[in-house]
C-alpha atoms as a PDB file:
ATOM      1  CA  MET A   1      28.056 -16.064  10.692  1.00  0.00           C
ATOM      2  CA  THR A   2      29.360 -15.125   7.256  1.00  0.00           C
ATOM      3  CA  THR A   3      30.217 -11.541   6.331  1.00  0.00           C
ATOM      4  CA  ASN A   4      27.096 -11.246   4.170  1.00  0.00           C
ATOM      5  CA  GLN A   5      24.925 -12.592   6.998  1.00  0.00           C
ATOM      6  CA  LEU A   6      26.472 -10.053   9.363  1.00  0.00           C
ATOM      7  CA  HIS A   7      25.718  -7.244   6.934  1.00  0.00           C
ATOM      8  CA  GLN A   8      22.179  -8.519   6.508  1.00  0.00           C
ATOM      9  CA  GLN A   9      21.677  -8.665  10.272  1.00  0.00           C
ATOM     10  CA  ALA A  10      22.891  -5.067  10.622  1.00  0.00           C
ATOM     11  CA  TRP A  11      20.432  -3.978   7.949  1.00  0.00           C
ATOM     12  CA  GLN A  12      17.540  -5.890   9.561  1.00  0.00           C
ATOM     13  CA  PHE A  13      18.236  -4.381  12.970  1.00  0.00           C
ATOM     14  CA  ARG A  14      18.167  -0.941  11.389  1.00  0.00           C
ATOM     15  CA  GLN A  15      14.763  -1.615   9.811  1.00  0.00           C
ATOM     16  CA  ILE A  16      13.185  -2.287  13.228  1.00  0.00           C
ATOM     17  CA  GLY A  17      14.465   1.011  14.556  1.00  0.00           C
ATOM     18  CA  LEU A  18      17.707   0.202  16.388  1.00  0.00           C
ATOM     19  CA  SER A  19      20.293   2.967  16.506  1.00  0.00           C
ATOM     20  CA  TRP A  20      23.679   2.480  14.855  1.00  0.00           C
ATOM     21  CA  ALA A  21      25.266   2.366  18.320  1.00  0.00           C
ATOM     22  CA  GLU A  22      22.928  -0.434  19.410  1.00  0.00           C
ATOM     23  CA  ILE A  23      23.626  -2.407  16.241  1.00  0.00           C
ATOM     24  CA  ALA A  24      27.375  -2.003  16.687  1.00  0.00           C
ATOM     25  CA  MET A  25      27.161  -3.250  20.276  1.00  0.00           C
ATOM     26  CA  ARG A  26      24.977  -6.256  19.399  1.00  0.00           C
ATOM     27  CA  LEU A  27      27.036  -7.393  16.418  1.00  0.00           C
ATOM     28  CA  GLY A  28      30.515  -6.488  17.619  1.00  0.00           C
ATOM     29  CA  PHE A  29      31.388  -3.651  15.256  1.00  0.00           C
ATOM     30  CA  ARG A  30      34.024  -1.202  16.483  1.00  0.00           C
ATOM     31  CA  GLY A  31      31.701   1.767  16.172  1.00  0.00           C
ATOM     32  CA  GLU A  32      28.605   3.231  14.551  1.00  0.00           C
ATOM     33  CA  SER A  33      30.359   3.762  11.226  1.00  0.00           C
ATOM     34  CA  GLY A  34      31.111   0.033  10.967  1.00  0.00           C
ATOM     35  CA  ALA A  35      27.476  -0.864  11.552  1.00  0.00           C
ATOM     36  CA  ARG A  36      26.331   1.740   9.028  1.00  0.00           C
ATOM     37  CA  THR A  37      28.801   0.551   6.404  1.00  0.00           C
ATOM     38  CA  ALA A  38      27.695  -3.063   6.840  1.00  0.00           C
ATOM     39  CA  ALA A  39      24.016  -2.200   6.461  1.00  0.00           C
ATOM     40  CA  ASN A  40      24.743  -0.009   3.445  1.00  0.00           C
ATOM     41  CA  ARG A  41      26.714  -2.765   1.748  1.00  0.00           C
ATOM     42  CA  TYR A  42      23.891  -5.240   2.209  1.00  0.00           C
ATOM     43  CA  ALA A  43      21.334  -2.708   0.937  1.00  0.00           C
ATOM     44  CA  GLU A  44      23.446  -1.978  -2.136  1.00  0.00           C
ATOM     45  CA  SER A  45      23.881  -5.684  -2.857  1.00  0.00           C
ATOM     46  CA  GLN A  46      20.092  -6.070  -2.880  1.00  0.00           C
ATOM     47  CA  GLY A  47      19.383  -2.945  -4.886  1.00  0.00           C
ATOM     48  CA  PHE A  48      17.534  -1.214  -2.053  1.00  0.00           C
ATOM     49  CA  ALA A  49      16.878   2.515  -2.211  1.00  0.00           C
ATOM     50  CA  HIS A  50      19.405   4.689  -0.379  1.00  0.00           C
ATOM     51  CA  ASP A  51      16.843   6.376   1.866  1.00  0.00           C
ATOM     52  CA  TYR A  52      15.607   2.957   2.939  1.00  0.00           C
ATOM     53  CA  VAL A  53      18.921   2.315   4.703  1.00  0.00           C
ATOM     54  CA  HIS A  54      18.257   5.251   7.009  1.00  0.00           C
ATOM     55  CA  PRO A  55      14.667   4.727   8.191  1.00  0.00           C
ATOM     56  CA  PRO A  56      12.935   6.805  10.856  1.00  0.00           C
ATOM     57  CA  GLN A  57      13.364   5.554  14.410  1.00  0.00           C
ATOM     58  CA  ALA A  58      10.563   3.259  15.517  1.00  0.00           C
ATOM     59  CA  GLY A  59       8.222   4.199  18.321  1.00  0.00           C
ATOM     60  CA  ARG A  60       8.350   7.989  18.016  1.00  0.00           C
ATOM     61  CA  ARG A  61       4.768   8.579  16.897  1.00  0.00           C
ATOM     62  CA  LYS A  62       2.506   9.033  19.903  1.00  0.00           C
ATOM     63  CA  ASN A  63      -0.797   8.938  18.003  1.00  0.00           C
ATOM     64  CA  ARG A  64      -1.043   7.734  14.434  1.00  0.00           C
ATOM     65  CA  THR A  65      -2.308  10.385  12.059  1.00  0.00           C
ATOM     66  CA  PHE A  66      -5.362   9.774   9.904  1.00  0.00           C
ATOM     67  CA  GLY A  67      -7.521  11.559   7.391  1.00  0.00           C
ATOM     68  CA  THR A  68     -10.983  10.766   6.062  1.00  0.00           C
ATOM     69  CA  GLU A  69     -12.921  11.195   2.839  1.00  0.00           C
ATOM     70  CA  LEU A  70     -16.697  10.948   3.338  1.00  0.00           C
ATOM     71  CA  GLU A  71     -18.686  10.652   0.119  1.00  0.00           C
ATOM     72  CA  PHE A  72     -22.298  11.871  -0.038  1.00  0.00           C
ATOM     73  CA  ILE A  73     -25.036  12.487  -2.604  1.00  0.00           C
ATOM     74  CA  ASP A  74     -27.869  14.969  -3.303  1.00  0.00           C
ATOM     75  CA  ALA A  75     -26.937  17.824  -0.927  1.00  0.00           C
ATOM     76  CA  LYS A  76     -25.325  20.975  -2.343  1.00  0.00           C
ATOM     77  CA  ARG A  77     -21.587  21.076  -1.688  1.00  0.00           C
ATOM     78  CA  ASP A  78     -21.853  24.747  -0.711  1.00  0.00           C
ATOM     79  CA  ASP A  79     -24.420  23.899   1.980  1.00  0.00           C
ATOM     80  CA  VAL A  80     -22.247  21.104   3.344  1.00  0.00           C
ATOM     81  CA  ALA A  81     -19.321  23.507   3.585  1.00  0.00           C
ATOM     82  CA  VAL A  82     -21.435  25.905   5.659  1.00  0.00           C
ATOM     83  CA  ALA A  83     -22.420  23.056   7.999  1.00  0.00           C
ATOM     84  CA  ILE A  84     -18.763  22.120   8.500  1.00  0.00           C
ATOM     85  CA  GLU A  85     -17.971  25.744   9.328  1.00  0.00           C
ATOM     86  CA  GLN A  86     -20.660  25.617  11.999  1.00  0.00           C
ATOM     87  CA  ALA A  87     -19.204  22.394  13.401  1.00  0.00           C
ATOM     88  CA  LEU A  88     -15.727  23.880  13.594  1.00  0.00           C
ATOM     89  CA  ALA A  89     -17.035  27.080  15.183  1.00  0.00           C
ATOM     90  CA  SER A  90     -18.766  25.033  17.892  1.00  0.00           C
ATOM     91  CA  LEU A  91     -15.362  23.601  18.817  1.00  0.00           C
ATOM     92  CA  GLY A  92     -13.533  26.915  18.704  1.00  0.00           C
ATOM     93  CA  SER A  93     -11.476  25.868  15.695  1.00  0.00           C
ATOM     94  CA  ALA A  94      -9.044  28.279  14.085  1.00  0.00           C
ATOM     95  CA  GLN A  95     -10.456  27.332  10.663  1.00  0.00           C
ATOM     96  CA  THR A  96     -13.343  29.693   9.890  1.00  0.00           C
ATOM     97  CA  HIS A  97     -13.732  29.083   6.150  1.00  0.00           C
ATOM     98  CA  VAL A  98     -14.372  25.750   4.437  1.00  0.00           C
ATOM     99  CA  ALA A  99     -13.636  25.711   0.728  1.00  0.00           C
ATOM    100  CA  VAL A 100     -15.518  23.912  -2.007  1.00  0.00           C
ATOM    101  CA  VAL A 101     -13.124  22.719  -4.695  1.00  0.00           C
ATOM    102  CA  GLU A 102     -13.016  20.670  -7.848  1.00  0.00           C
ATOM    103  CA  TYR A 103     -11.637  17.142  -7.559  1.00  0.00           C
ATOM    104  CA  HIS A 104      -8.218  17.568  -5.934  1.00  0.00           C
ATOM    105  CA  GLY A 105      -8.559  21.303  -6.560  1.00  0.00           C
ATOM    106  CA  LYS A 106      -6.606  23.945  -4.668  1.00  0.00           C
ATOM    107  CA  THR A 107      -8.804  27.045  -4.959  1.00  0.00           C
ATOM    108  CA  CYS A 108     -12.277  27.680  -3.569  1.00  0.00           C
ATOM    109  CA  ILE A 109     -15.228  27.837  -6.005  1.00  0.00           C
ATOM    110  CA  ARG A 110     -17.984  28.300  -3.411  1.00  0.00           C
ATOM    111  CA  ARG A 111     -20.853  30.479  -4.540  1.00  0.00           C
ATOM    112  CA  ASN A 112     -22.113  31.455  -1.078  1.00  0.00           C
ATOM    113  CA  CYS A 113     -18.924  33.043   0.236  1.00  0.00           C
ATOM    114  CA  ASN A 114     -16.760  36.033  -0.635  1.00  0.00           C
ATOM    115  CA  CYS A 115     -13.317  34.453  -0.267  1.00  0.00           C
ATOM    116  CA  GLY A 116     -12.278  35.444  -3.778  1.00  0.00           C
ATOM    117  CA  GLY A 117     -11.089  31.978  -4.737  1.00  0.00           C
ATOM    118  CA  ILE A 118      -8.754  31.553  -1.794  1.00  0.00           C
ATOM    119  CA  ARG A 119      -6.088  28.854  -2.092  1.00  0.00           C
ATOM    120  CA  ILE A 120      -6.418  26.046   0.462  1.00  0.00           C
ATOM    121  CA  ASN A 121      -3.955  24.090   2.580  1.00  0.00           C
ATOM    122  CA  GLY A 122      -5.155  20.507   2.200  1.00  0.00           C
ATOM    123  CA  LYS A 123      -3.098  19.181   5.100  1.00  0.00           C
ATOM    124  CA  LYS A 124      -4.565  21.643   7.588  1.00  0.00           C
ATOM    125  CA  GLU A 125      -8.049  22.510   6.338  1.00  0.00           C
ATOM    126  CA  TRP A 126     -11.386  20.765   5.922  1.00  0.00           C
ATOM    127  CA  ARG A 127     -12.815  21.045   2.414  1.00  0.00           C
ATOM    128  CA  VAL A 128     -15.655  19.724   0.238  1.00  0.00           C
ATOM    129  CA  GLU A 129     -14.684  18.276  -3.150  1.00  0.00           C
ATOM    130  CA  ARG A 130     -16.491  17.315  -6.299  1.00  0.00           C
ATOM    131  CA  ASP A 131     -16.214  13.589  -6.968  1.00  0.00           C
ATOM    132  CA  GLY A 132     -17.157  12.141 -10.326  1.00  0.00           C
ATOM    133  CA  SER A 133     -18.594   8.945  -8.861  1.00  0.00           C
ATOM    134  CA  VAL A 134     -21.196  10.717  -6.691  1.00  0.00           C
ATOM    135  CA  SER A 135     -21.478  14.339  -7.897  1.00  0.00           C
ATOM    136  CA  ASN A 136     -24.210  15.723 -10.117  1.00  0.00           C
ATOM    137  CA  GLY A 137     -23.755  19.389 -10.933  1.00  0.00           C
ATOM    138  CA  GLU A 138     -23.363  21.281  -7.648  1.00  0.00           C
ATOM    139  CA  HIS A 139     -24.790  18.353  -5.675  1.00  0.00           C
ATOM    140  CA  GLY A 140     -22.932  15.457  -4.081  1.00  0.00           C
ATOM    141  CA  GLY A 141     -19.239  15.100  -3.374  1.00  0.00           C
ATOM    142  CA  GLU A 142     -16.921  14.239  -0.543  1.00  0.00           C
ATOM    143  CA  ILE A 143     -15.985  15.817   2.765  1.00  0.00           C
ATOM    144  CA  VAL A 144     -12.201  15.725   3.020  1.00  0.00           C
ATOM    145  CA  SER A 145     -10.534  16.169   6.389  1.00  0.00           C
ATOM    146  CA  PRO A 146      -7.132  17.650   7.167  1.00  0.00           C
ATOM    147  CA  ILE A 147      -4.572  15.513   8.974  1.00  0.00           C
ATOM    148  CA  LEU A 148      -6.156  14.391  12.267  1.00  0.00           C
ATOM    149  CA  ARG A 149      -4.739  12.651  15.292  1.00  0.00           C
ATOM    150  CA  GLY A 150      -5.916  10.869  18.441  1.00  0.00           C
ATOM    151  CA  LYS A 151      -9.001  11.600  20.537  1.00  0.00           C
ATOM    152  CA  GLU A 152      -9.080  15.259  19.541  1.00  0.00           C
ATOM    153  CA  GLY A 153      -9.181  14.268  15.878  1.00  0.00           C
ATOM    154  CA  LEU A 154     -12.075  11.883  16.511  1.00  0.00           C
ATOM    155  CA  LYS A 155     -13.912  14.635  18.417  1.00  0.00           C
ATOM    156  CA  VAL A 156     -13.653  17.015  15.460  1.00  0.00           C
ATOM    157  CA  LEU A 157     -14.612  14.270  12.999  1.00  0.00           C
ATOM    158  CA  THR A 158     -17.702  13.457  15.060  1.00  0.00           C
ATOM    159  CA  ALA A 159     -18.819  17.109  15.162  1.00  0.00           C
ATOM    160  CA  VAL A 160     -18.339  17.527  11.408  1.00  0.00           C
ATOM    161  CA  ILE A 161     -20.381  14.414  10.601  1.00  0.00           C
ATOM    162  CA  LYS A 162     -23.210  15.380  12.963  1.00  0.00           C
ATOM    163  CA  HIS A 163     -23.505  18.869  11.468  1.00  0.00           C
ATOM    164  CA  ALA A 164     -23.226  17.609   7.887  1.00  0.00           C
ATOM    165  CA  LYS A 165     -25.972  15.083   8.556  1.00  0.00           C
ATOM    166  CA  MET A 166     -28.421  17.954   9.180  1.00  0.00           C
ATOM    167  CA  VAL A 167     -27.933  19.480   5.713  1.00  0.00           C
ATOM    168  CA  ASP A 168     -31.027  19.345   3.518  1.00  0.00           C
ATOM    169  CA  ASP A 169     -31.195  16.310   1.205  1.00  0.00           C
ATOM    170  CA  ILE A 170     -27.817  14.879   2.208  1.00  0.00           C
ATOM    171  CA  ALA A 171     -27.666  11.092   1.911  1.00  0.00           C
ATOM    172  CA  VAL A 172     -25.410   8.169   1.096  1.00  0.00           C
ATOM    173  CA  ASP A 173     -26.149   5.261  -1.204  1.00  0.00           C
ATOM    174  CA  ARG A 174     -24.332   2.225  -2.576  1.00  0.00           C
ATOM    175  CA  ARG A 175     -22.060   4.425  -4.696  1.00  0.00           C
ATOM    176  CA  CYS A 176     -20.604   6.145  -1.639  1.00  0.00           C
ATOM    177  CA  GLY A 177     -17.489   5.084   0.215  1.00  0.00           C
ATOM    178  CA  LEU A 178     -15.537   6.029   3.326  1.00  0.00           C
ATOM    179  CA  HIS A 179     -11.801   6.278   2.617  1.00  0.00           C
ATOM    180  CA  VAL A 180      -9.283   6.543   5.447  1.00  0.00           C
ATOM    181  CA  HIS A 181      -5.640   7.529   5.051  1.00  0.00           C
ATOM    182  CA  LEU A 182      -3.311   6.278   7.797  1.00  0.00           C
ATOM    183  CA  GLY A 183       0.024   8.013   8.259  1.00  0.00           C
ATOM    184  CA  THR A 184       2.950   5.596   7.833  1.00  0.00           C
ATOM    185  CA  SER A 185       5.927   7.930   7.485  1.00  0.00           C
ATOM    186  CA  ASP A 186       7.045   6.820  10.962  1.00  0.00           C
ATOM    187  CA  MET A 187       7.464   3.249   9.703  1.00  0.00           C
ATOM    188  CA  THR A 188      10.393   1.500   8.113  1.00  0.00           C
ATOM    189  CA  GLY A 189       9.902  -0.309   4.823  1.00  0.00           C
ATOM    190  CA  LEU A 190       9.702  -3.649   6.608  1.00  0.00           C
ATOM    191  CA  GLN A 191       7.054  -2.328   8.966  1.00  0.00           C
ATOM    192  CA  ARG A 192       5.038  -0.878   6.101  1.00  0.00           C
ATOM    193  CA  ALA A 193       5.321  -4.171   4.239  1.00  0.00           C
ATOM    194  CA  ASN A 194       4.051  -5.910   7.367  1.00  0.00           C
ATOM    195  CA  VAL A 195       0.919  -3.741   7.313  1.00  0.00           C
ATOM    196  CA  VAL A 196       0.245  -5.079   3.814  1.00  0.00           C
ATOM    197  CA  ARG A 197       1.075  -8.629   4.931  1.00  0.00           C
ATOM    198  CA  GLN A 198      -1.304  -8.419   7.892  1.00  0.00           C
ATOM    199  CA  TRP A 199      -4.059  -6.903   5.736  1.00  0.00           C
ATOM    200  CA  TRP A 200      -3.651  -9.840   3.357  1.00  0.00           C
ATOM    201  CA  LYS A 201      -3.903 -12.258   6.275  1.00  0.00           C
ATOM    202  CA  HIS A 202      -6.973 -10.580   7.830  1.00  0.00           C
ATOM    203  CA  GLN A 203      -8.822  -9.383   4.706  1.00  0.00           C
ATOM    204  CA  ILE A 204     -11.321 -12.230   4.383  1.00  0.00           C
ATOM    205  CA  GLU A 205     -11.934 -13.442   7.953  1.00  0.00           C
ATOM    206  CA  THR A 206     -11.457 -10.282  10.027  1.00  0.00           C
ATOM    207  CA  ILE A 207     -12.009  -7.210   7.847  1.00  0.00           C
ATOM    208  CA  ASP A 208     -14.620  -8.275   5.280  1.00  0.00           C
ATOM    209  CA  PRO A 209     -17.193  -9.298   7.954  1.00  0.00           C
ATOM    210  CA  MET A 210     -17.162  -5.717   9.344  1.00  0.00           C
ATOM    211  CA  ILE A 211     -18.155  -4.342   5.922  1.00  0.00           C
ATOM    212  CA  VAL A 212     -21.428  -4.542   3.997  1.00  0.00           C
ATOM    213  CA  LYS A 213     -21.400  -7.410   1.524  1.00  0.00           C
ATOM    214  CA  ARG A 214     -21.426  -5.221  -1.590  1.00  0.00           C
ATOM    215  CA  ARG A 215     -17.942  -3.927  -0.678  1.00  0.00           C
ATOM    216  CA  ARG A 216     -16.347  -7.301   0.066  1.00  0.00           C
ATOM    217  CA  ASN A 217     -14.341  -9.598  -2.163  1.00  0.00           C
ATOM    218  CA  ARG A 218     -14.265  -8.249  -5.720  1.00  0.00           C
ATOM    219  CA  GLU A 219     -17.781  -6.859  -5.990  1.00  0.00           C
ATOM    220  CA  ASN A 220     -16.957  -3.136  -6.083  1.00  0.00           C
ATOM    221  CA  GLN A 221     -14.657  -1.559  -8.662  1.00  0.00           C
ATOM    222  CA  TYR A 222     -13.565   1.196  -6.278  1.00  0.00           C
ATOM    223  CA  CYS A 223     -12.419  -1.086  -3.455  1.00  0.00           C
ATOM    224  CA  PHE A 224     -11.538  -4.294  -5.279  1.00  0.00           C
ATOM    225  CA  ARG A 225      -9.907  -6.954  -3.099  1.00  0.00           C
ATOM    226  CA  PRO A 226      -6.301  -7.417  -4.283  1.00  0.00           C
ATOM    227  CA  SER A 227      -5.301 -10.784  -5.644  1.00  0.00           C
ATOM    228  CA  ASP A 228      -2.728 -12.922  -3.839  1.00  0.00           C
ATOM    229  CA  ASP A 229      -0.219 -12.054  -6.559  1.00  0.00           C
ATOM    230  CA  GLU A 230      -0.825  -8.330  -6.028  1.00  0.00           C
ATOM    231  CA  PHE A 231      -0.348  -8.613  -2.283  1.00  0.00           C
ATOM    232  CA  ASN A 232       2.833 -10.606  -2.744  1.00  0.00           C
ATOM    233  CA  ASN A 233       4.208  -8.158  -5.327  1.00  0.00           C
ATOM    234  CA  TRP A 234       3.438  -5.180  -3.088  1.00  0.00           C
ATOM    235  CA  ILE A 235       5.188  -6.741  -0.108  1.00  0.00           C
ATOM    236  CA  GLN A 236       8.295  -7.568  -2.114  1.00  0.00           C
ATOM    237  CA  ALA A 237       8.414  -4.102  -3.693  1.00  0.00           C
ATOM    238  CA  ILE A 238       7.996  -2.292  -0.364  1.00  0.00           C
ATOM    239  CA  GLU A 239      10.580  -4.496   1.354  1.00  0.00           C
ATOM    240  CA  ARG A 240      13.008  -3.769  -1.456  1.00  0.00           C
ATOM    241  CA  SER A 241      12.546  -0.014  -1.865  1.00  0.00           C
ATOM    242  CA  GLY A 242      10.514   1.082   1.161  1.00  0.00           C
ATOM    243  CA  ARG A 243       7.959   2.632  -1.180  1.00  0.00           C
ATOM    244  CA  GLY A 244       6.691   0.171  -3.751  1.00  0.00           C
ATOM    245  CA  ALA A 245       7.620  -0.017  -7.396  1.00  0.00           C
ATOM    246  CA  GLY A 246       6.006   0.417 -10.779  1.00  0.00           C
ATOM    247  CA  TYR A 247       2.358   1.010 -11.607  1.00  0.00           C
ATOM    248  CA  GLN A 248      -0.153  -0.252  -9.078  1.00  0.00           C
ATOM    249  CA  GLU A 249      -3.911   0.108  -9.131  1.00  0.00           C
ATOM    250  CA  ARG A 250      -5.156   2.452  -6.384  1.00  0.00           C
ATOM    251  CA  THR A 251      -8.804   1.343  -6.411  1.00  0.00           C
ATOM    252  CA  ARG A 252      -8.169  -1.591  -4.094  1.00  0.00           C
ATOM    253  CA  SER A 253      -9.415  -2.201  -0.549  1.00  0.00           C
ATOM    254  CA  LEU A 254      -5.904  -1.196   0.531  1.00  0.00           C
ATOM    255  CA  ASN A 255      -4.240   1.450  -1.639  1.00  0.00           C
ATOM    256  CA  VAL A 256      -0.435   1.378  -1.406  1.00  0.00           C
ATOM    257  CA  THR A 257       0.108   3.988  -4.133  1.00  0.00           C
ATOM    258  CA  SER A 258      -0.630   6.899  -1.764  1.00  0.00           C
ATOM    259  CA  PHE A 259       2.610   6.533   0.212  1.00  0.00           C
ATOM    260  CA  PRO A 260       5.092   8.208  -2.182  1.00  0.00           C
ATOM    261  CA  LYS A 261       2.841  11.285  -2.475  1.00  0.00           C
ATOM    262  CA  TYR A 262       1.230  11.549   0.967  1.00  0.00           C
ATOM    263  CA  GLY A 263       3.187   9.267   3.297  1.00  0.00           C
ATOM    264  CA  THR A 264       0.039   7.224   3.920  1.00  0.00           C
ATOM    265  CA  LEU A 265      -1.629   3.941   3.108  1.00  0.00           C
ATOM    266  CA  GLU A 266      -5.286   4.380   2.174  1.00  0.00           C
ATOM    267  CA  VAL A 267      -8.073   2.001   3.220  1.00  0.00           C
ATOM    268  CA  ARG A 268     -10.963   2.292   0.753  1.00  0.00           C
ATOM    269  CA  GLN A 269     -13.169  -0.621   1.725  1.00  0.00           C
ATOM    270  CA  HIS A 270     -15.798   0.825   4.073  1.00  0.00           C
ATOM    271  CA  GLU A 271     -19.171   1.871   2.708  1.00  0.00           C
ATOM    272  CA  GLY A 272     -20.242   5.512   2.850  1.00  0.00           C
ATOM    273  CA  SER A 273     -21.753   6.605   6.146  1.00  0.00           C
ATOM    274  CA  LEU A 274     -22.970   9.669   8.033  1.00  0.00           C
ATOM    275  CA  ASN A 275     -23.055   7.708  11.282  1.00  0.00           C
ATOM    276  CA  ALA A 276     -20.332   9.220  13.467  1.00  0.00           C
ATOM    277  CA  THR A 277     -20.163   6.207  15.771  1.00  0.00           C
ATOM    278  CA  LYS A 278     -19.643   3.823  12.853  1.00  0.00           C
ATOM    279  CA  VAL A 279     -17.035   6.007  11.166  1.00  0.00           C
ATOM    280  CA  CYS A 280     -15.017   6.616  14.332  1.00  0.00           C
ATOM    281  CA  ALA A 281     -15.088   2.937  15.314  1.00  0.00           C
ATOM    282  CA  TRP A 282     -13.672   2.010  11.898  1.00  0.00           C
ATOM    283  CA  VAL A 283     -10.939   4.638  12.198  1.00  0.00           C
ATOM    284  CA  GLN A 284     -10.015   3.390  15.686  1.00  0.00           C
ATOM    285  CA  PHE A 285      -9.799  -0.187  14.432  1.00  0.00           C
ATOM    286  CA  LEU A 286      -7.530   0.836  11.565  1.00  0.00           C
ATOM    287  CA  VAL A 287      -5.223   2.824  13.838  1.00  0.00           C
ATOM    288  CA  ALA A 288      -4.969  -0.176  16.192  1.00  0.00           C
ATOM    289  CA  PHE A 289      -4.376  -2.554  13.266  1.00  0.00           C
ATOM    290  CA  PHE A 290      -1.625  -0.394  11.764  1.00  0.00           C
ATOM    291  CA  ASP A 291       0.045   0.166  15.153  1.00  0.00           C
ATOM    292  CA  HIS A 292       0.183  -3.563  15.818  1.00  0.00           C
ATOM    293  CA  ALA A 293       1.525  -4.295  12.336  1.00  0.00           C
ATOM    294  CA  LYS A 294       4.230  -1.680  12.869  1.00  0.00           C
ATOM    295  CA  ALA A 295       5.299  -3.302  16.147  1.00  0.00           C
ATOM    296  CA  MET A 296       6.017  -6.555  14.239  1.00  0.00           C
ATOM    297  CA  GLU A 297       5.448  -8.479  17.450  1.00  0.00           C
ATOM    298  CA  HIS A 298       5.979 -12.205  17.501  1.00  0.00           C
ATOM    299  CA  ASP A 299       2.558 -12.965  19.017  1.00  0.00           C
ATOM    300  CA  GLU A 300       0.387 -12.933  15.898  1.00  0.00           C
ATOM    301  CA  VAL A 301      -3.146 -11.592  16.204  1.00  0.00           C
ATOM    302  CA  PRO A 302      -5.651 -14.349  15.330  1.00  0.00           C
ATOM    303  CA  VAL A 303      -8.169 -13.817  12.555  1.00  0.00           C
ATOM    304  CA  GLY A 304     -11.908 -13.251  12.959  1.00  0.00           C
ATOM    305  CA  LEU A 305     -13.608 -11.698  15.983  1.00  0.00           C
ATOM    306  CA  ALA A 306     -10.703 -12.941  18.115  1.00  0.00           C
ATOM    307  CA  ALA A 307      -8.568 -10.266  16.431  1.00  0.00           C
ATOM    308  CA  LEU A 308     -10.596  -7.553  18.140  1.00  0.00           C
ATOM    309  CA  ASP A 309     -10.164  -9.218  21.541  1.00  0.00           C
ATOM    310  CA  ALA A 310      -6.428  -9.548  20.953  1.00  0.00           C
ATOM    311  CA  LEU A 311      -6.038  -5.872  20.009  1.00  0.00           C
ATOM    312  CA  GLN A 312      -8.002  -4.888  23.096  1.00  0.00           C
ATOM    313  CA  GLN A 313      -5.871  -7.066  25.368  1.00  0.00           C
ATOM    314  CA  LEU A 314      -2.767  -5.457  23.885  1.00  0.00           C
ATOM    315  CA  GLY A 315      -4.162  -2.058  24.836  1.00  0.00           C
ATOM    316  CA  ARG A 316      -4.500  -0.849  21.252  1.00  0.00           C
ATOM    317  CA  ILE A 317      -8.293  -0.361  21.187  1.00  0.00           C
ATOM    318  CA  ASP A 318     -10.914   0.265  23.885  1.00  0.00           C
ATOM    319  CA  VAL A 319     -13.606  -2.173  24.973  1.00  0.00           C
ATOM    320  CA  GLU A 320     -16.495   0.045  23.811  1.00  0.00           C
ATOM    321  CA  THR A 321     -15.185   0.120  20.250  1.00  0.00           C
ATOM    322  CA  VAL A 322     -14.561  -3.635  20.268  1.00  0.00           C
ATOM    323  CA  THR A 323     -18.115  -4.265  21.506  1.00  0.00           C
ATOM    324  CA  TYR A 324     -19.562  -2.041  18.782  1.00  0.00           C
ATOM    325  CA  LEU A 325     -17.520  -3.699  16.019  1.00  0.00           C
ATOM    326  CA  LYS A 326     -18.447  -7.171  17.228  1.00  0.00           C
ATOM    327  CA  GLN A 327     -22.147  -6.304  17.222  1.00  0.00           C
ATOM    328  CA  ARG A 328     -21.832  -4.838  13.745  1.00  0.00           C
ATOM    329  CA  THR A 329     -20.015  -7.951  12.479  1.00  0.00           C
ATOM    330  CA  VAL A 330     -22.738 -10.220  13.833  1.00  0.00           C
ATOM    331  CA  ALA A 331     -25.475  -8.012  12.308  1.00  0.00           C
ATOM    332  CA  LEU A 332     -23.809  -8.126   8.872  1.00  0.00           C
ATOM    333  CA  ALA A 333     -23.282 -11.899   8.882  1.00  0.00           C
END
């Protein structure tokens, strides 16, 4: 093995989460500093970002974080906020006020509360936002969740959807989407690039069939399927810098531009829905998909319905969710 190959191997081991001590032992360096120096030299020779040489340790996240954006039409945003408050109260949540904000706004503009324009904490609080694609005056918008995690997060999400569904006039139509942010700050650049690689592999035969036809392929401007060149460019950029590089369009089925700002990758493909079972099943599939891509296991998950069986057999998703997603895929065929 040449010196450059040794340095490259040290860098690759680091990207899959090995400690410097483990790398030194495997490759015969005298200590951790030798392994670190080798990996740094390889990274510098390739122009990789400095923080990419020191990735987070793999396997530390117990439950992948997620957040949802549920678009709706017709109902007043103020009324939807009240319904969410009722949902949270039924669960004994510490959040007692749900703000209504402008698009990506930070202060409450609700008319039916006396908060005085309180400033919100987007990472910890539910809110209702105006959204130009679905809002009309004070009607329509999106329900934006805080950071959620695991079964408890799905429980809260279910309660919020069920209460929101009872609001007068609330509906979804073909303009509405369901956007899901998946936390990826626990991943190395290579692992994050592998999420993109696996999405590229599974987009047409595994993922598209779970989605209504109007949001497949390149038929919707807000969740446009990336071209092969885009996928390839994203993978190369993320492998090189850990983050991506240059301008990239966010209105794709998979949005990679959210990572530098939020530490997430955003999946925009699913149609809007106020069906809690459908929404939670989609979230569970995405969490399982991202977890498997992070593991970078050698046994590749096959495409199509067999992908769901494979994820179940690996213990990443439960049988009830797999059954539901299979039935939905068959119904949408």
